[in-house]
């Protein structure tokens, strides 16, 4: 066989191997592009689709400076958690938010459960006890102190109690994350779980719209930055 024939044969083999590699790479790319459970768009109900867009609702909120915190105490929003039909708000939210919930004989007090924490993305095993209960806390999405400085002091006492116990404004979350948040608004704190920030901001907007509270310039800018990456994020439907 001549050198030229040998060269042509080697080149043909090389071309065939290259074509096979390219075909395999294409197949792998197509496989990786297949949608996973996390890629699938959330399917909204007709009621949820009827909710206002978060960005539009944000633009309707009044923008003002923060009022003085003078006069604020937790008791301005009621003496702790309200109780309905013998069960307090904390235990109601815990029971609604967790899986594998075990209650005491009163059918109210939550003894244990498993929480998929929206703020951190972690799963937390909750166990009621003096040294363990704080692992899961009930966060006021719009902190009561923040609400007080942005219009809640103008509400009636009864309306403030409703605000403090409204499921729209309550989330069972990781205790440490809740402590880090404190009374911050969106300008100074957002959940470390970036995948939940769109829903978090939309929820804050919904609460402030429902109770006619205002936002600051910095707060609005922070909310806009989040919502810019959220597509058609709608206000939550919480009953």
Protein backbone atom coordinates (compact mmCIF):
# COMPACT_ATOMS: atom_id res chain seq x y z
CA UNK A 1 0.00 0.00 0.00
CA UNK A 2 1.39 3.40 -0.94
CA UNK A 3 2.00 6.13 1.60
CA UNK A 4 -0.80 8.18 0.02
CA UNK A 5 -3.26 5.29 0.36
CA UNK A 6 -2.20 4.75 3.96
CA UNK A 7 -2.71 8.46 4.70
CA UNK A 8 -6.17 8.43 3.11
CA UNK A 9 -7.15 5.35 5.11
CA UNK A 10 -5.99 6.90 8.38
CA UNK A 11 -7.79 10.14 7.56
CA UNK A 12 -11.00 8.21 6.84
CA UNK A 13 -10.75 6.35 10.16
CA UNK A 14 -10.05 9.61 12.00
CA UNK A 15 -13.05 11.29 10.33
CA UNK A 16 -15.27 8.39 11.31
CA UNK A 17 -14.12 8.52 14.95
CA UNK A 18 -14.61 12.31 15.03
CA UNK A 19 -18.13 11.97 13.61
CA UNK A 20 -18.94 9.35 16.25
CA UNK A 21 -17.66 11.62 19.03
CA UNK A 22 -19.70 14.56 17.74
CA UNK A 23 -22.81 12.37 17.55
CA UNK A 24 -22.32 11.21 21.12
CA UNK A 25 -21.77 14.76 22.36
CA UNK A 26 -24.96 15.89 20.59
CA UNK A 27 -26.90 13.05 22.17
CA UNK A 28 -25.55 13.89 25.64
CA UNK A 29 -26.43 17.56 25.17
CA UNK A 30 -29.96 16.69 24.12
CA UNK A 31 -30.32 14.40 27.16
CA UNK A 32 -29.12 17.09 29.55
CA UNK A 33 -31.56 19.57 28.01
CA UNK A 34 -34.52 17.37 28.88
CA UNK A 35 -36.70 19.10 31.50
CA UNK A 36 -36.43 17.83 35.05
CA UNK A 37 -38.99 18.21 37.81
CA UNK A 38 -37.33 21.44 38.92
CA UNK A 39 -37.36 22.83 35.36
CA UNK A 40 -41.06 22.28 34.81
CA UNK A 41 -43.04 25.52 35.07
CA UNK A 42 -45.36 25.82 38.02
CA UNK A 43 -48.94 25.11 37.04
CA UNK A 44 -51.22 27.78 38.46
CA UNK A 45 -54.91 27.39 39.14
CA UNK A 46 -57.46 29.75 37.63
CA UNK A 47 -57.72 31.57 40.97
CA UNK A 48 -53.95 31.99 41.18
CA UNK A 49 -53.79 33.27 37.60
CA UNK A 50 -56.40 35.86 38.53
CA UNK A 51 -54.08 37.33 41.15
CA UNK A 52 -52.42 40.65 40.25
CA UNK A 53 -48.88 40.67 38.92
CA UNK A 54 -46.44 41.45 41.72
CA UNK A 55 -44.66 44.14 39.69
CA UNK A 56 -47.92 45.97 38.96
CA UNK A 57 -48.98 45.74 42.62
CA UNK A 58 -45.58 47.07 43.68
CA UNK A 59 -46.01 50.14 41.48
CA UNK A 60 -49.28 50.90 43.24
CA UNK A 61 -47.77 50.95 46.73
CA UNK A 62 -47.11 54.44 48.12
CA UNK A 63 -43.45 55.33 48.60
CA UNK A 64 -42.57 57.34 51.70
CA UNK A 65 -39.91 57.66 54.34
CA UNK A 66 -39.83 55.41 57.38
CA UNK A 67 -41.83 56.82 60.29
CA UNK A 68 -40.32 56.90 63.80
CA UNK A 69 -40.48 53.66 65.77
CA UNK A 70 -41.78 55.62 68.73
CA UNK A 71 -44.56 53.80 70.58
CA UNK A 72 -43.91 50.39 69.06
CA UNK A 73 -44.31 47.31 71.24
CA UNK A 74 -45.35 43.79 70.33
CA UNK A 75 -48.49 44.29 72.40
CA UNK A 76 -49.68 46.91 69.89
CA UNK A 77 -50.46 43.88 67.70
CA UNK A 78 -52.10 41.83 70.43
CA UNK A 79 -50.92 39.81 73.39
CA UNK A 80 -49.07 37.05 71.58
CA UNK A 81 -50.75 34.64 69.18
CA UNK A 82 -54.50 34.81 68.79
CA UNK A 83 -56.52 31.67 69.44
CA UNK A 84 -59.40 30.39 67.30
CA UNK A 85 -61.55 27.43 68.30
CA UNK A 86 -59.08 26.57 71.02
CA UNK A 87 -55.99 26.49 68.78
CA UNK A 88 -53.45 29.31 68.55
CA UNK A 89 -52.04 30.74 65.35
CA UNK A 90 -48.52 29.37 65.86
CA UNK A 91 -49.67 25.76 66.03
CA UNK A 92 -52.02 26.25 63.10
CA UNK A 93 -49.20 27.53 60.89
CA UNK A 94 -46.84 24.78 62.04
CA UNK A 95 -49.40 22.10 61.23
CA UNK A 96 -50.19 23.55 57.81
CA UNK A 97 -46.52 24.00 56.87
CA UNK A 98 -44.98 20.66 57.86
CA UNK A 99 -45.16 17.03 56.81
CA UNK A 100 -45.54 14.02 59.13
CA UNK A 101 -47.12 16.19 61.80
CA UNK A 102 -47.81 14.70 65.21
CA UNK A 103 -50.13 16.53 67.59
CA UNK A 104 -50.83 16.18 71.28
CA UNK A 105 -54.12 14.88 72.64
CA UNK A 106 -55.65 18.37 72.42
CA UNK A 107 -55.45 18.01 68.59
CA UNK A 108 -53.76 21.41 68.41
CA UNK A 109 -50.27 21.45 69.90
CA UNK A 110 -47.74 20.29 67.31
CA UNK A 111 -45.25 17.87 68.84
CA UNK A 112 -43.13 17.08 65.80
CA UNK A 113 -42.93 17.32 62.03
CA UNK A 114 -40.68 17.92 59.05
CA UNK A 115 -40.35 21.36 57.47
CA UNK A 116 -39.07 22.17 53.99
CA UNK A 117 -37.78 25.59 54.98
CA UNK A 118 -38.43 28.23 52.30
CA UNK A 119 -35.76 30.62 53.60
CA UNK A 120 -32.79 28.23 53.50
CA UNK A 121 -34.01 25.38 51.30
CA UNK A 122 -33.11 22.93 54.08
CA UNK A 123 -35.29 20.22 55.61
CA UNK A 124 -35.69 20.69 59.36
CA UNK A 125 -36.89 17.99 61.75
CA UNK A 126 -39.01 19.79 64.34
CA UNK A 127 -39.40 18.46 67.87
CA UNK A 128 -41.32 20.37 70.49
CA UNK A 129 -39.28 21.06 73.62
CA UNK A 130 -37.70 23.81 75.70
CA UNK A 131 -34.40 23.50 73.84
CA UNK A 132 -35.68 22.43 70.41
CA UNK A 133 -38.86 24.36 69.56
CA UNK A 134 -36.94 27.40 68.35
CA UNK A 135 -35.49 25.39 65.46
CA UNK A 136 -38.69 26.30 63.60
CA UNK A 137 -40.16 29.75 64.17
CA UNK A 138 -43.14 31.61 62.74
CA UNK A 139 -41.92 34.64 60.83
CA UNK A 140 -43.98 37.73 60.14
CA UNK A 141 -43.08 38.18 56.47
CA UNK A 142 -43.60 41.90 56.95
CA UNK A 143 -42.06 42.34 60.37
CA UNK A 144 -44.42 44.00 62.84
CA UNK A 145 -41.87 46.69 63.68
CA UNK A 146 -41.43 47.43 59.98
CA UNK A 147 -45.20 47.53 59.54
CA UNK A 148 -45.50 49.93 62.49
CA UNK A 149 -43.05 52.35 60.87
CA UNK A 150 -44.82 52.17 57.51
CA UNK A 151 -48.43 52.78 58.35
CA UNK A 152 -49.63 50.15 60.82
CA UNK A 153 -49.65 52.63 63.68
CA UNK A 154 -52.52 54.30 61.83
CA UNK A 155 -54.57 51.08 61.84
CA UNK A 156 -57.03 50.23 64.55
CA UNK A 157 -55.84 47.85 67.27
CA UNK A 158 -58.21 45.20 65.93
CA UNK A 159 -56.73 45.46 62.44
CA UNK A 160 -53.21 45.20 63.83
CA UNK A 161 -54.16 41.98 65.64
CA UNK A 162 -55.51 40.62 62.35
CA UNK A 163 -52.25 41.59 60.61
CA UNK A 164 -50.17 39.80 63.24
CA UNK A 165 -52.20 36.60 62.81
CA UNK A 166 -52.93 36.70 59.09
CA UNK A 167 -51.67 33.51 57.33
CA UNK A 168 -50.66 35.70 54.39
CA UNK A 169 -48.08 37.33 56.64
CA UNK A 170 -46.89 34.16 58.39
CA UNK A 171 -44.37 31.50 57.43
CA UNK A 172 -42.88 28.60 59.38
CA UNK A 173 -39.14 28.97 58.80
CA UNK A 174 -35.68 28.12 60.06
CA UNK A 175 -35.25 29.78 63.45
CA UNK A 176 -31.72 31.03 62.81
CA UNK A 177 -32.71 32.63 59.50
CA UNK A 178 -35.65 34.31 61.21
CA UNK A 179 -33.38 35.75 63.88
CA UNK A 180 -30.99 37.03 61.23
CA UNK A 181 -33.85 38.78 59.45
CA UNK A 182 -35.12 40.52 62.59
CA UNK A 183 -37.31 43.46 61.58
CA UNK A 184 -35.54 44.03 58.24
CA UNK A 185 -37.36 44.92 55.05
CA UNK A 186 -36.37 43.73 51.56
CA UNK A 187 -33.73 46.45 51.26
CA UNK A 188 -31.66 44.94 54.08
CA UNK A 189 -32.54 41.23 54.11
CA UNK A 190 -33.65 38.57 51.63
CA UNK A 191 -33.86 34.80 52.11
CA UNK A 192 -30.52 33.06 51.49
CA UNK A 193 -32.47 30.59 49.34
CA UNK A 194 -32.47 32.56 46.09
CA UNK A 195 -35.11 30.28 44.63
CA UNK A 196 -37.65 31.64 47.08
CA UNK A 197 -36.94 35.35 46.75
CA UNK A 198 -39.57 35.99 44.08
CA UNK A 199 -42.32 34.49 46.24
CA UNK A 200 -41.00 36.23 49.35
CA UNK A 201 -41.06 39.68 47.79
CA UNK A 202 -44.47 39.03 46.22
CA UNK A 203 -45.79 38.07 49.64
CA UNK A 204 -44.46 41.23 51.25
CA UNK A 205 -46.10 43.30 48.52
CA UNK A 206 -49.41 41.49 49.03
CA UNK A 207 -49.35 42.15 52.78
CA UNK A 208 -48.50 45.82 52.36
CA UNK A 209 -51.22 46.23 49.74
CA UNK A 210 -53.87 44.51 51.89
CA UNK A 211 -53.14 46.64 54.95
CA UNK A 212 -52.41 49.88 53.08
CA UNK A 213 -48.81 50.07 54.26
CA UNK A 214 -46.10 51.92 52.38
CA UNK A 215 -42.56 51.16 51.25
CA UNK A 216 -39.37 53.21 51.20
CA UNK A 217 -37.42 54.15 48.08
CA UNK A 218 -34.64 51.68 48.95
CA UNK A 219 -37.18 48.96 49.64
CA UNK A 220 -38.89 49.44 46.30
CA UNK A 221 -35.56 49.36 44.46
CA UNK A 222 -34.66 46.07 46.17
CA UNK A 223 -38.04 44.55 45.31
CA UNK A 224 -37.70 45.65 41.69
CA UNK A 225 -34.27 44.02 41.41
CA UNK A 226 -35.71 40.72 42.60
CA UNK A 227 -38.83 40.89 40.45
CA UNK A 228 -36.82 41.68 37.33
CA UNK A 229 -35.77 38.05 37.33
CA UNK A 230 -39.12 36.55 38.25
CA UNK A 231 -41.10 36.58 35.02
CA UNK A 232 -44.85 37.00 35.57
CA UNK A 233 -44.70 36.55 39.35
CA UNK A 234 -48.17 36.96 40.84
CA UNK A 235 -49.26 37.81 44.34
CA UNK A 236 -49.83 34.71 46.47
CA UNK A 237 -53.30 33.33 47.06
CA UNK A 238 -53.49 32.50 50.77
CA UNK A 239 -56.79 31.68 52.47
